[in-house]
Amino acid sequence: MKRTGILWFLAVLITLVSAYWQRTTGPTYPLRGQVSLAGDVFAYKLERSHGGPTDQPVQVAVPSAAIQGEVRWRRYPTADRWERVEMRHDGRALVAALPNQPPAGKLEYQVALMRGAEAAVFPTPPAVTRFKGEVAPWILVPHVLAMFLFMLIGTRAGLGALVGHDVKRLVYHAAGLLVLGGFVLGPAVQQQAFNEWWAGVPYGWDLTDNKTLVAGLAWAWAVIQLARRKPARAAIAAAAVITLAVFAIPHSAWGSQIDWQNQAR
């Protein structure tokens, strides 16, 4: 019982670290930093993903109304002319908005702050934001929950296999959660966000879908080994390691993106 508790503790710890990594890395999470102008330092947080039909807000906390600002943007990846949008001061921050784009459309943008003859332009290189459709919570929340539980139970199964425990039930639960979260709810999220059910192999190189595919193959092999009554400890441990490895790749890397030249993804 004591060893089982230790294994669950390790599984929870590993899963939380993996979830935190996924939450804080990748090209769609906010870009944070600081910029200095005329001796003052301002912290900024620039969004790199926007869902729904509205324009994407851009704001920088600048208390002084003496500082002016503008947002410079263009479609990504293109050599389009940079558009400029003047920022207005709302009493606490300089604010503007990027125009809404079709699902999977991207814009690159920078903010320029000016006070008199001094100016600061950031970030360098420009931030890239991706637009998407609005995903219904009743699809998104179960998807995230199923994938988290899959990671947790799969990790626990792998640890148990390494020490010789009977983890057959855990393997079946992990595989079922992966099917539900990754191959049923995942495509539903993808369809609502980007108007396509699957963007991985053989239709594309979206790493989120391909990570799910690799994990699915690894756990399918572990299930097959158990069903054939073959020694499965190595297959189960390998599936757990492969899952941790592929999900360490930042979320949404190589994601859906409009080819502006051909207006196709």
C-alpha atoms as a PDB file:
ATOM      1  CA  MET A   1       0.000   0.000   0.000  1.00  0.00           C
ATOM      2  CA  LYS A   2       2.830   2.394   0.850  1.00  0.00           C
ATOM      3  CA  ARG A   3       4.527   1.751  -2.505  1.00  0.00           C
ATOM      4  CA  THR A   4       1.222   2.258  -4.323  1.00  0.00           C
ATOM      5  CA  GLY A   5       0.779   5.629  -2.621  1.00  0.00           C
ATOM      6  CA  ILE A   6       4.295   6.667  -3.608  1.00  0.00           C
ATOM      7  CA  LEU A   7       3.641   5.702  -7.221  1.00  0.00           C
ATOM      8  CA  TRP A   8       0.423   7.736  -7.299  1.00  0.00           C
ATOM      9  CA  PHE A   9       2.246  10.701  -5.748  1.00  0.00           C
ATOM     10  CA  LEU A  10       4.945  10.498  -8.419  1.00  0.00           C
ATOM     11  CA  ALA A  11       2.341  10.135 -11.163  1.00  0.00           C
ATOM     12  CA  VAL A  12       0.467  13.236  -9.950  1.00  0.00           C
ATOM     13  CA  LEU A  13       3.709  15.224  -9.666  1.00  0.00           C
ATOM     14  CA  ILE A  14       4.920  14.246 -13.144  1.00  0.00           C
ATOM     15  CA  THR A  15       1.507  14.984 -14.668  1.00  0.00           C
ATOM     16  CA  LEU A  16       1.264  18.407 -13.010  1.00  0.00           C
ATOM     17  CA  VAL A  17       4.766  19.340 -14.181  1.00  0.00           C
ATOM     18  CA  SER A  18       3.885  18.201 -17.705  1.00  0.00           C
ATOM     19  CA  ALA A  19       0.590  20.144 -17.613  1.00  0.00           C
ATOM     20  CA  TYR A  20       2.395  23.272 -16.386  1.00  0.00           C
ATOM     21  CA  TRP A  21       4.928  22.945 -19.193  1.00  0.00           C
ATOM     22  CA  GLN A  22       2.120  22.616 -21.718  1.00  0.00           C
ATOM     23  CA  ARG A  23       0.344  25.611 -20.190  1.00  0.00           C
ATOM     24  CA  THR A  24       3.343  27.951 -20.292  1.00  0.00           C
ATOM     25  CA  THR A  25       5.095  27.036 -23.550  1.00  0.00           C
ATOM     26  CA  GLY A  26       4.134  27.023 -27.191  1.00  0.00           C
ATOM     27  CA  PRO A  27       3.434  29.678 -29.815  1.00  0.00           C
ATOM     28  CA  THR A  28      -0.117  30.535 -28.722  1.00  0.00           C
ATOM     29  CA  TYR A  29       0.450  31.471 -25.101  1.00  0.00           C
ATOM     30  CA  PRO A  30       0.823  35.152 -24.095  1.00  0.00           C
ATOM     31  CA  LEU A  31       4.165  36.823 -24.696  1.00  0.00           C
ATOM     32  CA  ARG A  32       5.372  38.651 -21.594  1.00  0.00           C
ATOM     33  CA  GLY A  33       8.200  41.116 -21.154  1.00  0.00           C
ATOM     34  CA  GLN A  34       9.232  44.618 -20.179  1.00  0.00           C
ATOM     35  CA  VAL A  35       9.979  47.742 -22.191  1.00  0.00           C
ATOM     36  CA  SER A  36      11.655  50.957 -21.083  1.00  0.00           C
ATOM     37  CA  LEU A  37      10.841  54.461 -22.327  1.00  0.00           C
ATOM     38  CA  ALA A  38      12.257  57.732 -21.046  1.00  0.00           C
ATOM     39  CA  GLY A  39      13.448  56.117 -17.836  1.00  0.00           C
ATOM     40  CA  ASP A  40      10.171  54.318 -17.090  1.00  0.00           C
ATOM     41  CA  VAL A  41       9.739  50.532 -17.328  1.00  0.00           C
ATOM     42  CA  PHE A  42       6.439  48.998 -18.432  1.00  0.00           C
ATOM     43  CA  ALA A  43       5.477  45.325 -18.236  1.00  0.00           C
ATOM     44  CA  TYR A  44       3.459  43.933 -21.122  1.00  0.00           C
ATOM     45  CA  LYS A  45       1.453  40.824 -21.923  1.00  0.00           C
ATOM     46  CA  LEU A  46       0.611  40.326 -25.592  1.00  0.00           C
ATOM     47  CA  GLU A  47      -1.929  37.688 -26.564  1.00  0.00           C
ATOM     48  CA  ARG A  48      -0.988  35.228 -29.302  1.00  0.00           C
ATOM     49  CA  SER A  49      -4.332  33.487 -29.742  1.00  0.00           C
ATOM     50  CA  HIS A  50      -7.876  34.795 -30.074  1.00  0.00           C
ATOM     51  CA  GLY A  51     -11.147  32.918 -30.350  1.00  0.00           C
ATOM     52  CA  GLY A  52     -14.575  34.011 -31.527  1.00  0.00           C
ATOM     53  CA  PRO A  53     -15.872  36.662 -33.944  1.00  0.00           C
ATOM     54  CA  THR A  54     -14.508  39.748 -32.163  1.00  0.00           C
ATOM     55  CA  ASP A  55     -11.338  41.746 -32.790  1.00  0.00           C
ATOM     56  CA  GLN A  56      -8.340  40.903 -30.619  1.00  0.00           C
ATOM     57  CA  PRO A  57      -7.630  43.457 -27.884  1.00  0.00           C
ATOM     58  CA  VAL A  58      -4.101  44.786 -27.448  1.00  0.00           C
ATOM     59  CA  GLN A  59      -3.257  46.735 -24.341  1.00  0.00           C
ATOM     60  CA  VAL A  60      -0.215  47.909 -22.416  1.00  0.00           C
ATOM     61  CA  ALA A  61      -0.503  49.213 -18.868  1.00  0.00           C
ATOM     62  CA  VAL A  62       0.738  52.805 -19.221  1.00  0.00           C
ATOM     63  CA  PRO A  63      -0.606  55.117 -16.483  1.00  0.00           C
ATOM     64  CA  SER A  64       0.641  58.329 -18.090  1.00  0.00           C
ATOM     65  CA  ALA A  65      -1.578  59.899 -20.746  1.00  0.00           C
ATOM     66  CA  ALA A  66       1.511  61.736 -22.011  1.00  0.00           C
ATOM     67  CA  ILE A  67       2.679  58.519 -23.675  1.00  0.00           C
ATOM     68  CA  GLN A  68       1.185  57.720 -27.053  1.00  0.00           C
ATOM     69  CA  GLY A  69       1.119  54.375 -28.799  1.00  0.00           C
ATOM     70  CA  GLU A  70       0.240  52.507 -31.961  1.00  0.00           C
ATOM     71  CA  VAL A  71      -0.049  48.892 -33.076  1.00  0.00           C
ATOM     72  CA  ARG A  72       1.628  47.830 -36.326  1.00  0.00           C
ATOM     73  CA  TRP A  73       0.350  44.628 -37.930  1.00  0.00           C
ATOM     74  CA  ARG A  74       0.246  42.578 -41.114  1.00  0.00           C
ATOM     75  CA  ARG A  75      -0.854  39.112 -42.157  1.00  0.00           C
ATOM     76  CA  TYR A  76       1.565  36.309 -41.353  1.00  0.00           C
ATOM     77  CA  PRO A  77       3.469  34.957 -43.173  1.00  0.00           C
ATOM     78  CA  THR A  78       3.430  37.615 -45.907  1.00  0.00           C
ATOM     79  CA  ALA A  79       5.374  40.636 -47.092  1.00  0.00           C
ATOM     80  CA  ASP A  80       2.264  42.830 -46.865  1.00  0.00           C
ATOM     81  CA  ARG A  81       2.552  46.491 -46.014  1.00  0.00           C
ATOM     82  CA  TRP A  82       2.408  47.157 -42.278  1.00  0.00           C
ATOM     83  CA  GLU A  83      -0.917  48.601 -41.127  1.00  0.00           C
ATOM     84  CA  ARG A  84      -1.018  51.023 -38.211  1.00  0.00           C
ATOM     85  CA  VAL A  85      -3.718  51.430 -35.544  1.00  0.00           C
ATOM     86  CA  GLU A  86      -3.527  54.302 -33.089  1.00  0.00           C
ATOM     87  CA  MET A  87      -3.906  53.313 -29.444  1.00  0.00           C
ATOM     88  CA  ARG A  88      -6.130  55.279 -27.098  1.00  0.00           C
ATOM     89  CA  HIS A  89      -5.689  55.819 -23.377  1.00  0.00           C
ATOM     90  CA  ASP A  90      -8.528  54.517 -21.201  1.00  0.00           C
ATOM     91  CA  GLY A  91      -7.186  55.944 -17.958  1.00  0.00           C
ATOM     92  CA  ARG A  92      -5.108  52.899 -17.049  1.00  0.00           C
ATOM     93  CA  ALA A  93      -3.646  51.569 -20.269  1.00  0.00           C
ATOM     94  CA  LEU A  94      -3.124  52.176 -23.954  1.00  0.00           C
ATOM     95  CA  VAL A  95      -5.574  50.003 -25.897  1.00  0.00           C
ATOM     96  CA  ALA A  96      -6.234  49.059 -29.507  1.00  0.00           C
ATOM     97  CA  ALA A  97      -7.514  46.027 -31.426  1.00  0.00           C
ATOM     98  CA  LEU A  98      -6.342  43.740 -34.198  1.00  0.00           C
ATOM     99  CA  PRO A  99      -8.989  42.996 -36.855  1.00  0.00           C
ATOM    100  CA  ASN A 100     -10.603  39.584 -36.629  1.00  0.00           C
ATOM    101  CA  GLN A 101      -9.338  36.986 -39.132  1.00  0.00           C
ATOM    102  CA  PRO A 102     -10.745  33.709 -40.489  1.00  0.00           C
ATOM    103  CA  PRO A 103     -10.041  30.587 -38.408  1.00  0.00           C
ATOM    104  CA  ALA A 104      -6.322  29.684 -38.606  1.00  0.00           C
ATOM    105  CA  GLY A 105      -5.481  33.154 -39.941  1.00  0.00           C
ATOM    106  CA  LYS A 106      -2.399  34.708 -38.347  1.00  0.00           C
ATOM    107  CA  LEU A 107      -1.203  38.276 -37.876  1.00  0.00           C
ATOM    108  CA  GLU A 108       2.203  39.481 -36.738  1.00  0.00           C
ATOM    109  CA  TYR A 109       2.256  42.679 -34.732  1.00  0.00           C
ATOM    110  CA  GLN A 110       4.336  45.091 -32.691  1.00  0.00           C
ATOM    111  CA  VAL A 111       3.523  47.937 -30.316  1.00  0.00           C
ATOM    112  CA  ALA A 112       5.222  51.330 -30.501  1.00  0.00           C
ATOM    113  CA  LEU A 113       5.233  53.679 -27.492  1.00  0.00           C
ATOM    114  CA  MET A 114       6.201  57.324 -27.974  1.00  0.00           C
ATOM    115  CA  ARG A 115       6.925  60.179 -25.620  1.00  0.00           C
ATOM    116  CA  GLY A 116       8.171  63.279 -27.374  1.00  0.00           C
ATOM    117  CA  ALA A 117      11.151  62.358 -29.549  1.00  0.00           C
ATOM    118  CA  GLU A 118      11.698  59.019 -27.785  1.00  0.00           C
ATOM    119  CA  ALA A 119      10.137  55.759 -28.965  1.00  0.00           C
ATOM    120  CA  ALA A 120      10.205  52.072 -28.052  1.00  0.00           C
ATOM    121  CA  VAL A 121       9.044  49.310 -30.406  1.00  0.00           C
ATOM    122  CA  PHE A 122       8.424  45.789 -29.099  1.00  0.00           C
ATOM    123  CA  PRO A 123       8.572  42.848 -29.223  1.00  0.00           C
ATOM    124  CA  THR A 124      11.450  41.914 -31.513  1.00  0.00           C
ATOM    125  CA  PRO A 125      10.771  39.812 -33.501  1.00  0.00           C
ATOM    126  CA  PRO A 126       7.045  40.682 -33.764  1.00  0.00           C
ATOM    127  CA  ALA A 127       4.472  38.639 -31.887  1.00  0.00           C
ATOM    128  CA  VAL A 128       2.389  36.257 -34.021  1.00  0.00           C
ATOM    129  CA  THR A 129      -1.231  35.685 -33.059  1.00  0.00           C
ATOM    130  CA  ARG A 130      -3.569  33.036 -34.453  1.00  0.00           C
ATOM    131  CA  PHE A 131      -7.330  33.439 -34.745  1.00  0.00           C
ATOM    132  CA  LYS A 132      -9.791  30.608 -34.247  1.00  0.00           C
ATOM    133  CA  GLY A 133     -13.465  29.901 -33.976  1.00  0.00           C
ATOM    134  CA  GLU A 134     -15.178  29.784 -30.603  1.00  0.00           C
ATOM    135  CA  VAL A 135     -15.076  26.316 -29.033  1.00  0.00           C
ATOM    136  CA  ALA A 136     -18.081  25.288 -26.955  1.00  0.00           C
ATOM    137  CA  PRO A 137     -17.201  24.710 -23.270  1.00  0.00           C
ATOM    138  CA  TRP A 138     -19.153  21.448 -23.236  1.00  0.00           C
ATOM    139  CA  ILE A 139     -16.626  20.089 -25.747  1.00  0.00           C
ATOM    140  CA  LEU A 140     -13.463  21.839 -24.563  1.00  0.00           C
ATOM    141  CA  VAL A 141     -13.752  21.104 -20.823  1.00  0.00           C
ATOM    142  CA  PRO A 142     -14.318  17.321 -21.194  1.00  0.00           C
ATOM    143  CA  HIS A 143     -11.485  17.213 -23.766  1.00  0.00           C
ATOM    144  CA  VAL A 144      -9.005  18.862 -21.393  1.00  0.00           C
ATOM    145  CA  LEU A 145     -10.180  16.741 -18.446  1.00  0.00           C
ATOM    146  CA  ALA A 146      -9.960  13.474 -20.403  1.00  0.00           C
ATOM    147  CA  MET A 147      -6.443  14.276 -21.634  1.00  0.00           C
ATOM    148  CA  PHE A 148      -5.282  15.226 -18.134  1.00  0.00           C
ATOM    149  CA  LEU A 149      -6.661  11.989 -16.666  1.00  0.00           C
ATOM    150  CA  PHE A 150      -5.095  10.034 -19.520  1.00  0.00           C
ATOM    151  CA  MET A 151      -1.694  11.542 -18.708  1.00  0.00           C
ATOM    152  CA  LEU A 152      -2.149  10.813 -14.999  1.00  0.00           C
ATOM    153  CA  ILE A 153      -3.346   7.226 -15.317  1.00  0.00           C
ATOM    154  CA  GLY A 154      -0.944   6.455 -18.155  1.00  0.00           C
ATOM    155  CA  THR A 155       1.995   7.714 -16.104  1.00  0.00           C
ATOM    156  CA  ARG A 156       0.839   5.673 -13.111  1.00  0.00           C
ATOM    157  CA  ALA A 157       0.545   2.588 -15.319  1.00  0.00           C
ATOM    158  CA  GLY A 158       4.073   3.106 -16.623  1.00  0.00           C
ATOM    159  CA  LEU A 159       5.499   3.481 -13.111  1.00  0.00           C
ATOM    160  CA  GLY A 160       3.628   0.415 -11.955  1.00  0.00           C
ATOM    161  CA  ALA A 161       4.905  -1.630 -14.886  1.00  0.00           C
ATOM    162  CA  LEU A 162       8.485  -0.661 -14.013  1.00  0.00           C
ATOM    163  CA  VAL A 163       8.144  -2.134 -10.501  1.00  0.00           C
ATOM    164  CA  GLY A 164       6.223  -5.233 -11.605  1.00  0.00           C
ATOM    165  CA  HIS A 165       2.686  -4.308 -10.541  1.00  0.00           C
ATOM    166  CA  ASP A 166      -0.402  -5.604 -12.321  1.00  0.00           C
ATOM    167  CA  VAL A 167      -1.541  -2.489 -14.195  1.00  0.00           C
ATOM    168  CA  LYS A 168      -3.831  -4.054 -16.795  1.00  0.00           C
ATOM    169  CA  ARG A 169      -6.881  -2.114 -15.601  1.00  0.00           C
ATOM    170  CA  LEU A 170      -4.938   1.149 -15.580  1.00  0.00           C
ATOM    171  CA  VAL A 171      -3.759   0.530 -19.150  1.00  0.00           C
ATOM    172  CA  TYR A 172      -7.301  -0.021 -20.371  1.00  0.00           C
ATOM    173  CA  HIS A 173      -8.506   3.106 -18.569  1.00  0.00           C
ATOM    174  CA  ALA A 174      -5.652   5.192 -19.990  1.00  0.00           C
ATOM    175  CA  ALA A 175      -6.291   3.916 -23.520  1.00  0.00           C
ATOM    176  CA  GLY A 176     -10.023   4.616 -23.211  1.00  0.00           C
ATOM    177  CA  LEU A 177      -9.414   8.163 -22.004  1.00  0.00           C
ATOM    178  CA  LEU A 178      -6.996   8.757 -24.881  1.00  0.00           C
ATOM    179  CA  VAL A 179      -9.575   7.565 -27.395  1.00  0.00           C
ATOM    180  CA  LEU A 180     -12.233   9.805 -25.844  1.00  0.00           C
ATOM    181  CA  GLY A 181     -10.103  12.900 -25.294  1.00  0.00           C
ATOM    182  CA  GLY A 182      -7.714  12.661 -28.226  1.00  0.00           C
ATOM    183  CA  PHE A 183      -9.643  10.953 -31.017  1.00  0.00           C
ATOM    184  CA  VAL A 184     -13.274  11.914 -30.288  1.00  0.00           C
ATOM    185  CA  LEU A 185     -13.322  15.229 -28.445  1.00  0.00           C
ATOM    186  CA  GLY A 186      -9.991  16.431 -29.861  1.00  0.00           C
ATOM    187  CA  PRO A 187     -11.201  16.460 -33.486  1.00  0.00           C
ATOM    188  CA  ALA A 188     -14.435  18.121 -32.332  1.00  0.00           C
ATOM    189  CA  VAL A 189     -12.381  20.932 -30.769  1.00  0.00           C
ATOM    190  CA  GLN A 190     -10.259  21.180 -33.922  1.00  0.00           C
ATOM    191  CA  GLN A 191     -13.343  21.390 -36.131  1.00  0.00           C
ATOM    192  CA  GLN A 192     -14.930  24.187 -34.116  1.00  0.00           C
ATOM    193  CA  ALA A 193     -11.666  26.111 -33.839  1.00  0.00           C
ATOM    194  CA  PHE A 194     -10.283  25.681 -37.379  1.00  0.00           C
ATOM    195  CA  ASN A 195     -13.015  24.075 -39.500  1.00  0.00           C
ATOM    196  CA  GLU A 196     -11.163  20.767 -39.922  1.00  0.00           C
ATOM    197  CA  TRP A 197     -11.439  17.519 -38.020  1.00  0.00           C
ATOM    198  CA  TRP A 198      -7.844  16.334 -38.328  1.00  0.00           C
ATOM    199  CA  ALA A 199      -4.700  18.236 -39.348  1.00  0.00           C
ATOM    200  CA  GLY A 200      -2.121  15.535 -38.620  1.00  0.00           C
ATOM    201  CA  VAL A 201      -0.784  12.692 -40.755  1.00  0.00           C
ATOM    202  CA  PRO A 202      -1.809  11.897 -43.459  1.00  0.00           C
ATOM    203  CA  TYR A 203      -3.463  15.300 -44.039  1.00  0.00           C
ATOM    204  CA  GLY A 204      -0.932  17.652 -42.466  1.00  0.00           C
ATOM    205  CA  TRP A 205       1.830  18.205 -39.944  1.00  0.00           C
ATOM    206  CA  ASP A 206      -0.054  19.705 -37.013  1.00  0.00           C
ATOM    207  CA  LEU A 207       2.067  18.546 -34.070  1.00  0.00           C
ATOM    208  CA  THR A 208      -0.828  18.466 -31.621  1.00  0.00           C
ATOM    209  CA  ASP A 209      -2.683  15.928 -33.747  1.00  0.00           C
ATOM    210  CA  ASN A 210       0.492  14.015 -34.563  1.00  0.00           C
ATOM    211  CA  LYS A 211       1.464  13.838 -30.884  1.00  0.00           C
ATOM    212  CA  THR A 212      -1.937  12.295 -30.186  1.00  0.00           C
ATOM    213  CA  LEU A 213      -1.419   9.831 -33.036  1.00  0.00           C
ATOM    214  CA  VAL A 214       2.000   8.704 -31.763  1.00  0.00           C
ATOM    215  CA  ALA A 215       0.662   8.278 -28.223  1.00  0.00           C
ATOM    216  CA  GLY A 216      -2.321   6.361 -29.594  1.00  0.00           C
ATOM    217  CA  LEU A 217      -0.091   3.916 -31.467  1.00  0.00           C
ATOM    218  CA  ALA A 218       2.063   3.361 -28.380  1.00  0.00           C
ATOM    219  CA  TRP A 219      -0.899   2.593 -26.130  1.00  0.00           C
ATOM    220  CA  ALA A 220      -2.588   0.491 -28.802  1.00  0.00           C
ATOM    221  CA  TRP A 221       0.510  -1.723 -28.873  1.00  0.00           C
ATOM    222  CA  ALA A 222       0.415  -2.059 -25.074  1.00  0.00           C
ATOM    223  CA  VAL A 223      -3.281  -3.043 -25.197  1.00  0.00           C
ATOM    224  CA  ILE A 224      -2.590  -5.570 -27.972  1.00  0.00           C
ATOM    225  CA  GLN A 225       0.188  -7.131 -25.927  1.00  0.00           C
ATOM    226  CA  LEU A 226      -2.123  -7.478 -22.933  1.00  0.00           C
ATOM    227  CA  ALA A 227      -4.939  -8.914 -25.071  1.00  0.00           C
ATOM    228  CA  ARG A 228      -2.554 -11.506 -26.510  1.00  0.00           C
ATOM    229  CA  ARG A 229      -1.423 -12.395 -22.975  1.00  0.00           C
ATOM    230  CA  LYS A 230       2.124 -11.449 -23.882  1.00  0.00           C
ATOM    231  CA  PRO A 231       4.621  -9.902 -21.454  1.00  0.00           C
ATOM    232  CA  ALA A 232       3.595  -6.259 -21.635  1.00  0.00           C
ATOM    233  CA  ARG A 233       5.671  -4.495 -18.974  1.00  0.00           C
ATOM    234  CA  ALA A 234       8.118  -3.081 -21.521  1.00  0.00           C
ATOM    235  CA  ALA A 235       5.325  -2.001 -23.881  1.00  0.00           C
ATOM    236  CA  ILE A 236       3.435  -0.254 -21.067  1.00  0.00           C
ATOM    237  CA  ALA A 237       6.520   1.515 -19.739  1.00  0.00           C
ATOM    238  CA  ALA A 238       7.481   2.532 -23.273  1.00  0.00           C
ATOM    239  CA  ALA A 239       3.979   3.905 -23.934  1.00  0.00           C
ATOM    240  CA  ALA A 240       4.195   6.038 -20.793  1.00  0.00           C
ATOM    241  CA  VAL A 241       7.648   7.363 -21.709  1.00  0.00           C
ATOM    242  CA  ILE A 242       6.627   8.048 -25.320  1.00  0.00           C
ATOM    243  CA  THR A 243       3.563   9.939 -24.075  1.00  0.00           C
ATOM    244  CA  LEU A 244       5.630  12.149 -21.772  1.00  0.00           C
ATOM    245  CA  ALA A 245       8.170  12.755 -24.540  1.00  0.00           C
ATOM    246  CA  VAL A 246       5.700  13.738 -27.272  1.00  0.00           C
ATOM    247  CA  PHE A 247       3.600  15.887 -24.958  1.00  0.00           C
ATOM    248  CA  ALA A 248       6.734  17.773 -23.914  1.00  0.00           C
ATOM    249  CA  ILE A 249       6.633  19.284 -27.414  1.00  0.00           C
ATOM    250  CA  PRO A 250       5.023  22.733 -27.023  1.00  0.00           C
ATOM    251  CA  HIS A 251       1.279  22.800 -27.612  1.00  0.00           C
ATOM    252  CA  SER A 252       0.025  24.073 -31.004  1.00  0.00           C
ATOM    253  CA  ALA A 253       3.461  23.956 -32.648  1.00  0.00           C
ATOM    254  CA  TRP A 254       3.119  23.618 -36.429  1.00  0.00           C
ATOM    255  CA  GLY A 255      -0.580  24.283 -35.983  1.00  0.00           C
ATOM    256  CA  SER A 256      -3.227  25.053 -38.605  1.00  0.00           C
ATOM    257  CA  GLN A 257      -2.315  28.151 -40.599  1.00  0.00           C
ATOM    258  CA  ILE A 258      -3.829  29.882 -43.604  1.00  0.00           C
ATOM    259  CA  ASP A 259      -1.663  30.085 -46.694  1.00  0.00           C
ATOM    260  CA  TRP A 260      -2.565  33.673 -47.539  1.00  0.00           C
ATOM    261  CA  GLN A 261      -1.153  33.340 -51.046  1.00  0.00           C
ATOM    262  CA  ASN A 262      -3.529  30.509 -51.939  1.00  0.00           C
ATOM    263  CA  GLN A 263      -6.195  31.108 -49.284  1.00  0.00           C
ATOM    264  CA  ALA A 264      -5.879  27.471 -48.214  1.00  0.00           C
ATOM    265  CA  ARG A 265      -4.404  25.633 -45.291  1.00  0.00           C
END
